[in-house]
Amino acid sequence: MEEWPMPESSPHRPGGTPPPTPSTDGIATPEFIASLLADGDDDLAAWAIGQALEECPRAVVFDRLVRPAMELVGSRWEAGQWTISQEHLASVALMGALARIRPGDPAETRIGPVAVLVAPEGEQHVAGLACLAQVLEERGWRVENLGANVPADDLRKFVSSRTVDLIALSIGTRERLPALERAIDALRGSEPAGSHLPIMVGGLGTLGIESEIAGADLVSSVLADAERFVGSVEGSLGSRAGG
């Protein structure tokens, strides 16, 4: 396989210090992406992720490349190999890289179904929501990403004030399960009689406790699963429109 042409030395690497080797066949690896992000090199990370997007669907790239990279960052911080500053830098660099590879057509021009993305009260990890937003935007959805630390009652009021076709919540740790449950209960408690708002839940905090999360239509930390569920929601919306 022909190796991908590497961009010229990044401004984050003074003197042209070479980045980690992507792999023997030129395909980016989670290790490669993690090292770039911990160095704050969002330019090169965006390029490497973009190259992967030329070969695989967006959800697959995020599941198999971006998420494992951030898991590496977290595990190395926990093991004391990397500092908390590097972990924070990696998170910021990832958001910068994701901004560079966002699908075309700004959200303001979209007239498709509406998805609200949110991290419940106390939850600060939102990279997964940013990845999901891109998957949805690529499918023509209008995404309203509320980001981190949204109280349950505030979320209820926000959703009640507009037309929403899908809710996605994410938690990074199990400690946020009570806040997640409050958010789901608030949403379900405010539904008009006879209606059902599709709710999906993801994030690393759901691993191993999927069966404990009630009130959601899908619980999975895998974006490919989320995209399949979105497809079923789209089918339901199409049926209602046609009827």
Protein backbone atom coordinates (compact mmCIF):
# COMPACT_ATOMS: atom_id res chain seq x y z
CA MET A 1 0.00 0.00 0.00
CA GLU A 2 1.24 3.47 -0.83
CA GLU A 3 2.04 5.46 2.30
CA TRP A 4 0.08 8.63 2.96
CA PRO A 5 2.09 11.81 2.31
CA MET A 6 2.90 13.34 5.69
CA PRO A 7 2.25 17.09 6.06
CA GLU A 8 5.21 19.34 6.68
CA SER A 9 6.43 19.76 10.26
CA SER A 10 3.73 21.04 12.58
CA PRO A 11 4.11 24.33 14.45
CA HIS A 12 3.63 22.27 17.62
CA ARG A 13 6.89 20.39 16.88
CA PRO A 14 9.72 22.95 16.89
CA GLY A 15 12.61 22.20 14.59
CA GLY A 16 10.64 19.68 12.59
CA THR A 17 10.83 16.90 15.20
CA PRO A 18 9.28 13.88 13.47
CA PRO A 19 5.92 12.67 14.79
CA PRO A 20 5.37 9.07 15.93
CA THR A 21 5.22 6.57 13.08
CA PRO A 22 1.57 5.97 12.04
CA SER A 23 2.19 2.26 11.32
CA THR A 24 4.18 0.10 8.99
CA ASP A 25 1.57 0.37 6.23
CA GLY A 26 0.91 4.09 6.58
CA ILE A 27 -2.48 3.76 8.32
CA ALA A 28 -2.98 5.78 11.48
CA THR A 29 -3.26 3.89 14.77
CA PRO A 30 -4.80 4.88 18.12
CA GLU A 31 -1.24 5.08 19.51
CA PHE A 32 -0.27 7.54 16.80
CA ILE A 33 -3.37 9.70 17.35
CA ALA A 34 -2.95 9.63 21.14
CA SER A 35 0.65 10.83 20.90
CA LEU A 36 -0.30 13.67 18.58
CA LEU A 37 -3.13 14.79 20.83
CA ALA A 38 -0.99 14.65 23.98
CA ASP A 39 1.48 16.91 22.15
CA GLY A 40 -1.35 19.30 21.27
CA ASP A 41 -0.87 18.66 17.56
CA ASP A 42 -4.44 19.07 16.36
CA ASP A 43 -3.32 19.89 12.81
CA LEU A 44 -1.57 16.58 12.23
CA ALA A 45 -4.22 14.67 14.16
CA ALA A 46 -6.93 16.15 11.92
CA TRP A 47 -4.93 15.18 8.84
CA ALA A 48 -4.48 11.59 10.06
CA ILE A 49 -8.14 11.19 11.00
CA GLY A 50 -9.13 12.75 7.68
CA GLN A 51 -7.03 10.19 5.82
CA ALA A 52 -8.82 7.40 7.69
CA LEU A 53 -12.18 8.95 6.73
CA GLU A 54 -11.26 8.48 3.10
CA GLU A 55 -11.15 4.73 3.73
CA CYS A 56 -13.93 4.11 6.29
CA PRO A 57 -17.28 5.57 7.41
CA ARG A 58 -17.13 8.29 10.03
CA ALA A 59 -18.68 6.22 12.83
CA VAL A 60 -16.20 3.41 12.21
CA VAL A 61 -13.22 5.78 12.27
CA PHE A 62 -14.40 7.33 15.51
CA ASP A 63 -15.05 3.92 17.09
CA ARG A 64 -11.81 2.26 16.01
CA LEU A 65 -9.36 5.16 15.97
CA VAL A 66 -10.47 8.22 17.94
CA ARG A 67 -12.12 6.57 20.93
CA PRO A 68 -9.25 4.09 21.55
CA ALA A 69 -6.80 6.99 21.24
CA MET A 70 -8.55 8.93 23.99
CA GLU A 71 -8.78 5.77 26.10
CA LEU A 72 -4.99 5.51 25.79
CA VAL A 73 -4.63 9.10 26.91
CA GLY A 74 -6.80 8.44 29.95
CA SER A 75 -5.08 5.19 30.90
CA ARG A 76 -1.63 6.76 30.66
CA TRP A 77 -2.72 9.63 32.85
CA GLU A 78 -4.14 7.17 35.39
CA ALA A 79 -0.88 5.18 35.30
CA GLY A 80 1.17 8.32 35.87
CA GLN A 81 2.87 8.11 32.47
CA TRP A 82 1.33 11.38 31.32
CA THR A 83 0.42 14.43 33.36
CA ILE A 84 -3.04 15.84 33.85
CA SER A 85 -1.88 18.79 31.74
CA GLN A 86 -1.21 16.42 28.84
CA GLU A 87 -4.60 14.80 29.33
CA HIS A 88 -6.29 18.21 29.22
CA LEU A 89 -4.20 19.26 26.23
CA ALA A 90 -5.20 16.07 24.40
CA SER A 91 -8.89 16.80 25.02
CA VAL A 92 -8.57 20.34 23.68
CA ALA A 93 -6.51 19.15 20.70
CA LEU A 94 -9.12 16.53 19.87
CA MET A 95 -11.86 19.15 19.74
CA GLY A 96 -9.67 21.23 17.45
CA ALA A 97 -9.02 18.26 15.18
CA LEU A 98 -12.71 17.38 15.06
CA ALA A 99 -13.57 20.94 14.06
CA ARG A 100 -11.26 20.60 11.06
CA ILE A 101 -12.90 17.41 9.80
CA ARG A 102 -16.51 18.43 10.35
CA PRO A 103 -18.84 17.47 7.48
CA GLY A 104 -19.70 20.17 4.95
CA ASP A 105 -22.86 22.29 4.99
CA PRO A 106 -23.12 24.32 8.20
CA ALA A 107 -25.87 23.31 10.62
CA GLU A 108 -27.71 26.61 10.04
CA THR A 109 -28.68 25.47 6.55
CA ARG A 110 -30.05 22.07 7.60
CA ILE A 111 -33.80 21.48 7.55
CA GLY A 112 -33.69 17.83 8.57
CA PRO A 113 -34.73 16.26 11.87
CA VAL A 114 -33.45 17.79 15.12
CA ALA A 115 -31.22 16.03 17.65
CA VAL A 116 -30.33 17.42 21.07
CA LEU A 117 -27.03 16.20 22.49
CA VAL A 118 -26.20 16.67 26.16
CA ALA A 119 -23.96 15.62 29.04
CA PRO A 120 -25.94 15.55 32.30
CA GLU A 121 -25.19 17.55 35.41
CA GLY A 122 -21.61 17.12 36.61
CA GLU A 123 -20.39 15.45 33.42
CA GLN A 124 -17.54 17.31 31.70
CA HIS A 125 -16.52 14.79 29.02
CA VAL A 126 -18.10 15.82 25.71
CA ALA A 127 -15.76 14.50 23.00
CA GLY A 128 -18.14 11.62 22.33
CA LEU A 129 -20.99 14.05 21.77
CA ALA A 130 -18.85 15.99 19.30
CA CYS A 131 -18.17 12.78 17.36
CA LEU A 132 -21.85 11.81 17.38
CA ALA A 133 -22.77 15.31 16.19
CA GLN A 134 -20.65 14.81 13.08
CA VAL A 135 -22.22 11.43 12.36
CA LEU A 136 -25.67 13.00 12.59
CA GLU A 137 -24.73 16.07 10.55
CA GLU A 138 -23.37 13.86 7.81
CA ARG A 139 -26.81 12.23 7.65
CA GLY A 140 -28.50 15.64 7.32
CA TRP A 141 -29.60 16.17 10.91
CA ARG A 142 -29.69 19.54 12.63
CA VAL A 143 -27.74 19.12 15.86
CA GLU A 144 -28.18 21.21 18.99
CA ASN A 145 -25.24 20.20 21.18
CA LEU A 146 -25.77 21.57 24.71
CA GLY A 147 -22.39 20.30 25.87
CA ALA A 148 -21.35 19.60 29.46
CA ASN A 149 -23.00 19.81 32.86
CA VAL A 150 -26.66 20.39 31.99
CA PRO A 151 -29.11 20.05 34.93
CA ALA A 152 -32.06 17.75 34.37
CA ASP A 153 -34.76 20.39 34.84
CA ASP A 154 -32.99 22.80 32.50
CA LEU A 155 -32.83 20.07 29.86
CA ARG A 156 -36.52 19.33 30.31
CA LYS A 157 -37.44 22.99 29.80
CA PHE A 158 -35.19 23.27 26.75
CA VAL A 159 -36.65 20.21 25.05
CA SER A 160 -40.24 21.17 25.92
CA SER A 161 -39.81 24.55 24.21
CA ARG A 162 -39.05 23.19 20.73
CA THR A 163 -39.56 20.36 18.29
CA VAL A 164 -37.03 17.61 18.94
CA ASP A 165 -36.78 14.25 17.17
CA LEU A 166 -33.97 12.60 19.16
CA ILE A 167 -32.11 13.02 22.46
CA ALA A 168 -28.58 11.69 23.03
CA LEU A 169 -26.96 11.71 26.47
CA SER A 170 -23.41 10.71 27.37
CA ILE A 171 -21.52 9.97 30.59
CA GLY A 172 -17.81 9.38 30.92
CA THR A 173 -17.84 7.64 34.31
CA ARG A 174 -20.27 5.51 36.33
CA GLU A 175 -20.36 8.19 39.00
CA ARG A 176 -22.61 10.22 36.68
CA LEU A 177 -25.28 7.50 36.53
CA PRO A 178 -27.59 9.23 39.07
CA ALA A 179 -27.43 12.48 37.09
CA LEU A 180 -28.13 10.55 33.88
CA GLU A 181 -31.13 8.87 35.47
CA ARG A 182 -32.49 12.23 36.64
CA ALA A 183 -32.18 13.60 33.10
CA ILE A 184 -34.00 10.63 31.57
CA ASP A 185 -36.73 10.76 34.23
CA ALA A 186 -37.23 14.48 33.61
CA LEU A 187 -37.54 13.94 29.88
CA ARG A 188 -39.92 11.02 30.17
CA GLY A 189 -42.00 12.78 32.81
CA SER A 190 -42.62 15.75 30.52
CA GLU A 191 -43.71 13.78 27.44
CA PRO A 192 -47.24 14.53 26.21
CA ALA A 193 -49.65 11.62 26.50
CA GLY A 194 -49.25 9.11 23.71
CA SER A 195 -45.87 10.43 22.56
CA HIS A 196 -42.44 8.84 22.85
CA LEU A 197 -39.23 10.79 22.31
CA PRO A 198 -36.35 8.56 21.18
CA ILE A 199 -33.53 8.68 23.73
CA MET A 200 -30.14 7.07 23.32
CA VAL A 201 -27.35 6.95 25.87
CA GLY A 202 -23.63 6.40 25.35
CA GLY A 203 -20.19 7.13 26.72
CA LEU A 204 -17.57 5.03 28.49
CA GLY A 205 -19.47 5.42 31.75
CA THR A 206 -22.19 3.10 30.46
CA LEU A 207 -19.87 0.12 29.92
CA GLY A 208 -20.96 -2.83 32.00
CA ILE A 209 -24.05 -1.13 33.43
CA GLU A 210 -26.22 -0.99 30.31
CA SER A 211 -28.97 -3.04 31.96
CA GLU A 212 -29.14 -0.60 34.88
CA ILE A 213 -30.10 2.34 32.67
CA ALA A 214 -33.88 2.51 32.35
CA GLY A 215 -35.94 4.75 30.11
CA ALA A 216 -33.54 4.84 27.14
CA ASP A 217 -34.26 3.23 23.79
CA LEU A 218 -30.58 2.48 23.16
CA VAL A 219 -27.63 2.21 25.54
CA SER A 220 -24.30 1.73 23.78
CA SER A 221 -20.89 3.37 23.73
CA VAL A 222 -20.42 2.30 20.09
CA LEU A 223 -21.15 4.99 17.50
CA ALA A 224 -21.94 2.41 14.83
CA ASP A 225 -24.77 1.17 17.09
CA ALA A 226 -25.94 4.74 17.54
CA GLU A 227 -25.97 5.30 13.79
CA ARG A 228 -28.07 2.18 13.23
CA PHE A 229 -30.54 3.42 15.84
CA VAL A 230 -30.62 6.83 14.15
CA GLY A 231 -31.49 5.05 10.91
CA SER A 232 -34.48 3.42 12.60
CA VAL A 233 -35.58 6.81 13.96
CA GLU A 234 -35.33 8.27 10.47
CA GLY A 235 -37.52 5.44 9.17
CA SER A 236 -40.12 6.18 11.84
CA LEU A 237 -40.08 9.89 11.03
CA GLY A 238 -40.51 9.11 7.34
CA SER A 239 -43.46 6.85 8.08
CA ARG A 240 -45.17 9.53 10.14
CA ALA A 241 -44.57 12.14 7.46
CA GLY A 242 -45.94 9.82 4.81
CA GLY A 243 -48.98 9.00 6.90
